[in-house]
Protein backbone atom coordinates (compact mmCIF):
# COMPACT_ATOMS: atom_id res chain seq x y z
CA MET A 1 10.59 -17.81 -7.42
CA THR A 2 8.32 -19.03 -10.36
CA GLN A 3 5.26 -18.06 -8.82
CA MET A 4 6.43 -14.57 -8.04
CA ILE A 5 7.85 -13.83 -11.85
CA LEU A 6 4.54 -15.06 -12.74
CA ALA A 7 2.38 -12.96 -10.41
CA GLY A 8 4.35 -9.78 -11.46
CA ALA A 9 4.27 -10.94 -15.34
CA ILE A 10 0.20 -11.21 -15.30
CA GLY A 11 -0.23 -8.15 -13.03
CA LEU A 12 1.94 -5.96 -15.34
CA LEU A 13 0.12 -7.27 -18.69
CA VAL A 14 -3.42 -7.20 -17.02
CA SER A 15 -2.75 -3.40 -15.59
CA ILE A 16 -1.11 -2.06 -18.71
CA PHE A 17 -4.05 -3.22 -21.18
CA ILE A 18 -7.07 -3.16 -19.17
CA THR A 19 -5.95 0.85 -18.31
CA PRO A 20 -6.29 2.33 -21.73
CA VAL A 21 -9.70 0.69 -22.10
CA LEU A 22 -10.65 2.48 -19.03
CA ILE A 23 -9.24 5.52 -20.31
CA ARG A 24 -11.37 5.45 -23.52
CA LYS A 25 -14.64 4.35 -21.59
CA PHE A 26 -14.09 6.78 -18.85
CA SER A 27 -13.40 9.82 -21.58
CA ALA A 28 -16.58 8.79 -23.78
CA VAL A 29 -18.49 9.30 -20.49
CA GLY A 30 -16.98 12.36 -19.31
CA LEU A 31 -15.59 11.01 -15.82
CA GLY A 32 -13.04 13.39 -15.02
CA GLN A 33 -11.02 14.48 -12.37
CA GLU A 34 -11.58 17.78 -10.64
CA ILE A 35 -9.17 20.34 -9.40
CA ARG A 36 -9.03 22.18 -5.94
CA GLU A 37 -9.68 26.20 -7.01
CA GLU A 38 -7.10 26.46 -3.68
CA GLY A 39 -4.77 24.21 -5.70
CA LEU A 40 -1.51 25.00 -8.05
CA LYS A 41 -2.55 26.95 -11.06
CA SER A 42 -0.29 24.53 -13.16
CA HIS A 43 -2.71 21.75 -12.18
CA PHE A 44 -5.62 23.22 -13.89
CA LYS A 45 -4.74 21.88 -17.26
CA LYS A 46 -5.21 18.38 -15.28
CA ARG A 47 -9.30 19.03 -14.66
CA GLY A 48 -11.05 16.30 -16.96
CA THR A 49 -8.39 13.62 -16.96
CA PRO A 50 -10.21 10.32 -16.54
CA THR A 51 -9.81 9.13 -12.93
CA MET A 52 -10.51 6.13 -11.19
CA GLY A 53 -7.83 4.21 -12.85
CA GLY A 54 -7.15 2.09 -9.37
CA ILE A 55 -9.83 -0.33 -10.95
CA ALA A 56 -7.40 -1.40 -13.52
CA ILE A 57 -4.67 -2.15 -10.35
CA LEU A 58 -7.05 -4.01 -8.56
CA ILE A 59 -8.23 -5.97 -11.09
CA ALA A 60 -4.99 -7.01 -11.97
CA ILE A 61 -3.83 -7.76 -8.53
CA THR A 62 -6.63 -10.06 -8.10
CA VAL A 63 -6.43 -11.64 -11.52
CA SER A 64 -2.69 -12.08 -10.91
CA TYR A 65 -2.97 -13.51 -7.25
CA VAL A 66 -6.02 -16.03 -8.10
CA ALA A 67 -4.05 -17.11 -11.36
CA THR A 68 -0.67 -17.51 -9.81
CA SER A 69 -2.42 -19.44 -6.85
CA ILE A 70 -4.51 -22.04 -9.04
CA TYR A 71 -1.54 -22.50 -11.04
CA GLY A 72 0.40 -23.11 -7.28
CA GLU A 73 -2.76 -25.46 -6.77
CA VAL A 74 -2.04 -27.51 -9.90
CA THR A 75 1.34 -27.86 -9.65
CA ASN A 76 1.78 -28.53 -5.88
CA LEU A 77 3.98 -25.45 -5.05
CA GLY A 78 1.24 -23.97 -2.87
CA GLY A 79 -1.79 -22.10 -3.50
CA PHE A 80 -4.27 -19.80 -1.70
CA THR A 81 -3.54 -19.23 2.01
CA ALA A 82 -5.02 -17.24 4.71
CA SER A 83 -2.45 -14.80 4.76
CA GLY A 84 -2.98 -13.83 1.31
CA LEU A 85 -6.60 -13.78 1.03
CA LEU A 86 -6.84 -11.51 4.22
CA VAL A 87 -4.19 -8.98 2.92
CA LEU A 88 -5.65 -9.11 -0.87
CA GLY A 89 -9.32 -8.62 1.21
CA LEU A 90 -7.78 -5.65 3.30
CA THR A 91 -7.09 -4.34 -0.14
CA LEU A 92 -10.04 -4.74 -2.01
CA GLY A 93 -12.18 -3.61 0.97
CA LEU A 94 -10.17 -0.01 1.24
CA GLY A 95 -10.40 -0.21 -3.05
CA GLY A 96 -14.14 -0.38 -2.63
CA LEU A 97 -14.26 2.31 -0.12
CA GLY A 98 -11.91 4.58 -2.73
CA PHE A 99 -14.22 3.74 -5.37
CA ALA A 100 -17.33 5.28 -3.68
CA ASP A 101 -15.22 8.28 -3.02
CA ASP A 102 -14.34 8.59 -6.13
CA PHE A 103 -17.95 7.92 -7.91
CA ILE A 104 -19.40 10.56 -5.80
CA LYS A 105 -16.98 13.36 -6.88
CA LEU A 106 -17.52 12.54 -10.30
CA TYR A 107 -21.24 11.98 -10.01
CA MET A 108 -21.78 15.44 -7.93
CA GLY A 109 -18.87 16.87 -10.37
CA ARG A 110 -16.99 18.32 -7.26
CA ASN A 111 -13.80 17.89 -5.60
CA LEU A 112 -15.05 16.16 -2.45
CA GLY A 113 -16.81 12.70 -2.25
CA LEU A 114 -17.31 11.06 1.00
CA ASN A 115 -17.10 13.50 4.08
CA LYS A 116 -14.66 12.79 6.93
CA LYS A 117 -17.53 11.08 9.05
CA ALA A 118 -18.12 8.76 6.30
CA LYS A 119 -14.55 7.44 5.17
CA LEU A 120 -13.63 7.24 8.80
CA ILE A 121 -16.29 4.67 9.64
CA GLY A 122 -15.62 3.00 6.16
CA GLN A 123 -11.97 2.67 7.36
CA LEU A 124 -12.80 1.66 10.87
CA ALA A 125 -15.43 -1.20 9.90
CA ILE A 126 -12.38 -2.62 7.11
CA SER A 127 -9.72 -2.37 9.69
CA LEU A 128 -11.82 -4.04 12.50
CA ALA A 129 -12.79 -6.91 10.37
CA PHE A 130 -8.98 -7.31 9.09
CA GLY A 131 -7.68 -7.15 12.60
CA GLY A 132 -10.32 -9.49 14.14
CA LEU A 133 -9.60 -12.28 11.11
CA ILE A 134 -5.76 -11.85 11.36
CA LEU A 135 -5.84 -13.62 14.54
CA LEU A 136 -7.66 -16.70 13.39
CA PHE A 137 -6.75 -19.51 10.73
CA PRO A 138 -3.77 -20.83 12.77
CA ASN A 139 -1.88 -23.48 10.75
CA GLN A 140 -0.52 -26.78 11.41
CA ASP A 141 2.11 -25.13 13.64
CA GLY A 142 -0.17 -23.05 15.41
CA LEU A 143 0.96 -19.92 13.68
CA THR A 144 -1.87 -17.21 12.49
CA PRO A 145 -1.50 -14.80 9.79
CA GLY A 146 -1.02 -11.93 12.27
CA SER A 147 0.28 -11.38 16.03
CA THR A 148 -0.84 -9.15 19.10
CA HIS A 149 2.94 -8.32 19.03
CA LEU A 150 4.22 -5.27 17.42
CA SER A 151 6.75 -6.02 15.21
CA PHE A 152 10.28 -4.47 13.58
CA LEU A 153 12.30 -7.37 11.84
CA ARG A 154 10.39 -9.99 13.12
CA ASP A 155 7.99 -9.97 16.54
CA LEU A 156 9.00 -7.93 19.66
CA ASP A 157 8.09 -10.61 22.30
CA THR A 158 8.30 -7.69 25.21
CA VAL A 159 5.52 -5.52 23.43
CA ASP A 160 2.40 -7.43 23.06
CA LEU A 161 -0.35 -4.98 22.03
CA ALA A 162 -2.68 -7.20 23.45
CA PHE A 163 -0.87 -7.59 26.81
CA GLY A 164 -3.10 -9.99 29.17
CA GLY A 165 -5.37 -10.88 26.44
CA GLY A 166 -9.28 -10.34 27.45
CA VAL A 167 -11.32 -8.16 25.96
CA ILE A 168 -9.43 -5.01 27.05
CA GLY A 169 -6.20 -6.60 25.26
CA ILE A 170 -8.19 -7.56 21.94
CA ILE A 171 -9.46 -3.91 21.83
CA LEU A 172 -6.32 -2.32 22.09
CA PHE A 173 -5.05 -4.67 19.28
CA LEU A 174 -8.02 -3.63 17.11
CA VAL A 175 -7.37 0.07 17.83
CA PHE A 176 -3.73 -0.38 16.83
CA MET A 177 -4.97 -2.16 13.40
CA TYR A 178 -7.02 0.68 12.88
CA ILE A 179 -4.51 3.45 13.48
CA LEU A 180 -1.89 1.66 11.09
CA ILE A 181 -4.55 0.71 8.19
CA SER A 182 -5.96 4.11 8.28
CA ALA A 183 -2.26 6.00 8.40
CA TRP A 184 -0.93 4.06 5.75
CA SER A 185 -4.09 4.17 3.20
CA ASN A 186 -4.25 7.96 3.82
CA ALA A 187 -0.21 8.48 3.43
CA VAL A 188 -0.47 6.88 0.13
CA ASN A 189 -3.43 8.73 -1.07
CA LEU A 190 -1.90 12.05 0.35
CA THR A 191 1.14 10.95 -1.93
CA ASP A 192 -0.92 10.71 -4.89
CA GLY A 193 -0.77 14.14 -6.09
CA LEU A 194 1.82 13.98 -9.06
CA ASP A 195 1.67 11.94 -12.15
CA GLY A 196 3.08 8.65 -11.33
CA LEU A 197 4.37 9.67 -7.74
CA ALA A 198 2.08 7.40 -5.79
CA ALA A 199 2.41 4.28 -8.20
CA GLY A 200 6.15 4.41 -8.92
CA ALA A 201 6.77 4.97 -4.99
CA THR A 202 4.51 1.82 -4.18
CA ALA A 203 6.43 -0.39 -6.76
CA PHE A 204 9.53 0.31 -4.70
CA VAL A 205 7.69 -0.70 -1.61
CA LEU A 206 6.42 -3.57 -3.35
CA GLY A 207 9.58 -4.79 -4.61
CA ALA A 208 11.23 -4.19 -1.23
CA TYR A 209 8.83 -6.23 0.20
CA GLY A 210 8.63 -9.34 -2.19
CA ALA A 211 12.35 -9.71 -1.52
CA LEU A 212 12.09 -9.45 2.40
CA ALA A 213 8.80 -12.26 2.10
CA PHE A 214 10.65 -14.66 -0.34
CA TRP A 215 13.35 -14.42 2.41
CA GLN A 216 11.45 -14.85 5.23
CA PHE A 217 10.00 -18.26 2.74
CA ARG A 218 13.31 -19.23 2.22
CA ASN A 219 14.51 -19.30 6.21
CA SER A 220 11.26 -20.31 7.61
CA CYS A 221 11.33 -22.04 10.79
CA THR A 222 8.98 -24.59 9.34
CA GLN A 223 11.34 -25.70 7.02
CA VAL A 224 14.83 -24.97 8.90
CA ALA A 225 14.42 -24.22 12.60
CA VAL A 226 17.90 -22.58 13.15
CA PRO A 227 18.54 -19.22 14.85
CA GLY A 228 17.34 -16.59 12.82
CA CYS A 229 14.77 -18.37 11.35
CA TYR A 230 11.39 -16.46 10.52
CA ASP A 231 8.01 -17.56 12.15
CA VAL A 232 5.43 -16.13 9.25
CA ARG A 233 2.41 -18.25 8.45
CA ASP A 234 2.60 -17.82 4.71
CA PRO A 235 5.70 -15.95 3.38
CA LEU A 236 5.35 -17.06 -0.05
CA ASP A 237 2.11 -16.01 -0.95
CA LEU A 238 2.97 -12.25 0.78
CA ALA A 239 6.05 -12.36 -1.87
CA ILE A 240 3.41 -13.59 -4.79
CA LEU A 241 0.97 -10.53 -3.45
CA SER A 242 3.97 -8.35 -3.33
CA ALA A 243 5.08 -9.18 -7.01
CA ALA A 244 1.46 -9.08 -8.34
CA GLY A 245 1.03 -5.59 -6.70
CA LEU A 246 4.33 -4.55 -8.52
CA GLY A 247 3.31 -5.49 -11.79
CA ALA A 248 0.33 -3.90 -11.21
CA CYS A 249 1.93 -0.44 -10.46
CA VAL A 250 4.36 -0.68 -13.47
CA GLY A 251 1.94 -1.37 -15.67
CA PHE A 252 -0.62 1.88 -14.70
CA LEU A 253 2.41 3.82 -14.63
CA TRP A 254 2.86 3.22 -18.54
CA TRP A 255 -0.14 5.31 -18.35
CA ASN A 256 0.10 7.53 -15.62
CA ALA A 257 3.56 8.61 -16.09
CA ALA A 258 3.37 12.87 -17.20
CA PRO A 259 1.71 13.66 -18.77
CA ALA A 260 -0.97 11.28 -17.18
CA LYS A 261 -3.46 9.74 -19.27
CA ILE A 262 -5.34 8.61 -16.25
CA PHE A 263 -5.30 8.97 -12.35
CA MET A 264 -5.50 6.20 -10.22
CA GLY A 265 -7.82 8.37 -8.09
CA ASP A 266 -8.74 7.19 -4.04
CA THR A 267 -10.01 3.83 -5.40
CA GLY A 268 -6.10 2.95 -6.31
CA SER A 269 -4.38 4.70 -3.39
CA LEU A 270 -6.33 3.90 -0.60
CA ALA A 271 -6.31 0.24 -2.11
CA LEU A 272 -2.32 0.16 -2.04
CA GLY A 273 -2.28 1.77 1.05
CA GLY A 274 -4.29 -0.91 2.43
CA LEU A 275 -2.05 -3.49 0.63
CA VAL A 276 1.13 -2.38 1.96
CA ALA A 277 -0.26 -2.42 5.68
CA GLY A 278 -1.62 -5.59 5.31
CA LEU A 279 1.73 -6.67 4.05
CA SER A 280 3.50 -5.22 6.94
CA VAL A 281 1.11 -6.84 9.37
CA ALA A 282 1.27 -10.39 7.82
CA SER A 283 4.93 -10.15 7.68
CA ARG A 284 5.35 -9.34 11.29
CA THR A 285 7.39 -6.10 10.07
CA GLU A 286 5.00 -3.15 10.95
CA LEU A 287 7.76 -0.80 12.08
CA LEU A 288 10.11 -2.03 9.26
CA MET A 289 7.57 -0.93 7.09
CA VAL A 290 8.10 3.03 8.47
CA ILE A 291 11.63 2.90 6.91
CA VAL A 292 10.43 1.26 3.87
CA GLY A 293 7.69 3.33 2.87
CA ALA A 294 9.39 6.45 4.28
CA LEU A 295 8.18 8.61 1.55
CA PHE A 296 4.70 8.08 2.65
CA VAL A 297 5.51 8.76 6.46
CA ILE A 298 7.20 12.33 5.09
CA GLU A 299 4.10 13.37 2.89
CA ALA A 300 1.66 12.43 5.67
CA ALA A 301 4.03 14.06 8.22
CA SER A 302 4.22 17.41 5.92
CA VAL A 303 0.60 17.90 6.29
CA VAL A 304 -0.10 17.19 10.18
CA ILE A 305 3.07 19.91 10.58
CA GLN A 306 1.33 22.39 8.14
CA VAL A 307 -2.03 21.86 10.06
CA ALA A 308 -0.28 22.43 13.49
CA GLY A 309 1.92 25.31 12.47
CA TYR A 310 -1.34 27.08 11.28
CA LYS A 311 -3.79 26.04 14.11
CA ALA A 312 -1.08 26.86 16.64
CA LYS A 313 0.29 30.29 15.05
CA LYS A 314 -1.28 30.84 12.03
CA ILE A 315 1.72 29.99 10.14
CA ARG A 316 2.62 27.74 7.25
CA ILE A 317 5.86 25.92 7.23
CA PHE A 318 5.45 24.81 3.66
CA ARG A 319 4.60 26.65 0.53
CA MET A 320 2.02 24.05 0.47
CA ALA A 321 1.26 20.89 1.61
CA PRO A 322 1.55 17.77 0.76
CA PHE A 323 5.37 18.34 0.50
CA HIS A 324 5.65 17.65 -3.22
CA HIS A 325 3.61 20.64 -3.46
CA HIS A 326 5.89 22.55 -1.51
CA PHE A 327 8.66 22.01 -4.28
CA GLU A 328 6.40 22.69 -7.14
CA ALA A 329 5.25 25.78 -5.55
CA GLY A 330 8.89 26.61 -5.56
CA GLY A 331 9.55 26.47 -9.26
CA TRP A 332 10.28 22.79 -9.86
CA ALA A 333 9.14 21.15 -12.78
CA GLU A 334 6.42 18.10 -11.49
CA THR A 335 8.84 15.39 -13.53
CA THR A 336 11.62 16.76 -11.22
CA VAL A 337 9.57 16.65 -8.27
CA VAL A 338 8.37 12.92 -9.16
CA VAL A 339 11.61 11.54 -10.31
CA ARG A 340 13.58 12.80 -7.09
CA PHE A 341 10.52 11.60 -4.70
CA TRP A 342 11.11 8.24 -6.69
CA LEU A 343 14.65 8.08 -5.57
CA ILE A 344 14.07 8.90 -2.26
CA ALA A 345 11.45 6.14 -2.50
CA GLY A 346 14.18 3.81 -3.67
CA VAL A 347 16.79 4.65 -1.41
CA ALA A 348 14.45 4.04 1.63
CA ALA A 349 13.27 0.56 0.14
CA LEU A 350 16.74 -0.44 -0.25
CA LEU A 351 17.78 0.94 3.20
CA GLY A 352 14.80 -1.22 4.59
CA VAL A 353 15.98 -4.59 2.60
CA ALA A 354 19.96 -3.77 4.11
CA ILE A 355 18.70 -3.68 7.74
CA PHE A 356 16.47 -6.68 7.07
CA TYR A 357 19.05 -8.56 5.71
CA GLY A 358 22.02 -7.36 8.33
CA GLU A 359 19.62 -8.23 11.25
CA TRP A 360 19.85 -11.88 9.77
CA LEU A 361 23.17 -11.94 8.91
CA SER A 362 23.68 -11.29 12.70
CA TYR A 363 22.75 -14.72 13.79
CA GLY A 364 25.49 -16.09 11.88
CA GLY A 365 23.79 -16.43 8.16
CA ILE A 366 25.93 -16.01 5.14
């Protein structure tokens, strides 16, 4: 618990003090956000607001995780682990892809950065690297950071994504990793359309995962081999990384809340999507993340529904997609939409934690 508190505090402080430095730097060189011409007219006033603030989030998470791990090594509480480093690597990799996208937008002075093909290729390469490495690095008990089994509250032994093993099995598993990682990174990216929305919603998700991973650590099968224990390789490190991400999001939110002084850009949104995806894989809870991160699912689904409706019947199901713009176009104030969507994110996170804890109680825990 000490390491989690330390990670959260460092992430918060680094983010809250680094972000204004970026605001001043980007404002001085004119690195401001472009706004889509077909977007809401009320958003035109945001044109020129500094973006790429996700750099602060990435720095905060990295510094927090590294500092906390070094502290753990020195105090023999536990330091760097394969799970933590792989999830951090996924976060930084997608953050780098987002940075490239943001940089092209700003350099070219347009609202479009990397084309779809380049972005998909980048996500594919990062997902394949993560998916291949997550099945390596077994500990003394033979546990690897990830598993080929589909997971809800723990591994579903009846659903092996690489059933039968071999080349075909591994390919199927890697395809699943690509779908999962690209889905979450794009879902968070789509949610990042209003001041503070994505940062606040992600903070709720990371808070939930900090609690879940710490509970897995306290009830790990390597410590207490009883019914209901968890076979997760490095749950404490995942809890620390969640706390670091939570602190970084809250610190950034200080400057990103309406009226935003800076936007996270794709640098931040793709990275945070990678972080939540990696945490779900390493904690063996990929399907539970659909509940914990329900707001992101709703946002992504609204875009799919909108596109499908227009292509099939030439009709628009929503006034505008993603879903948050539907309410803005209906006359809701931006802050009203953000706060209410935060409430949805908070309720979803609590529901996920409740389901997780309820399943553990079913094994006779108290």
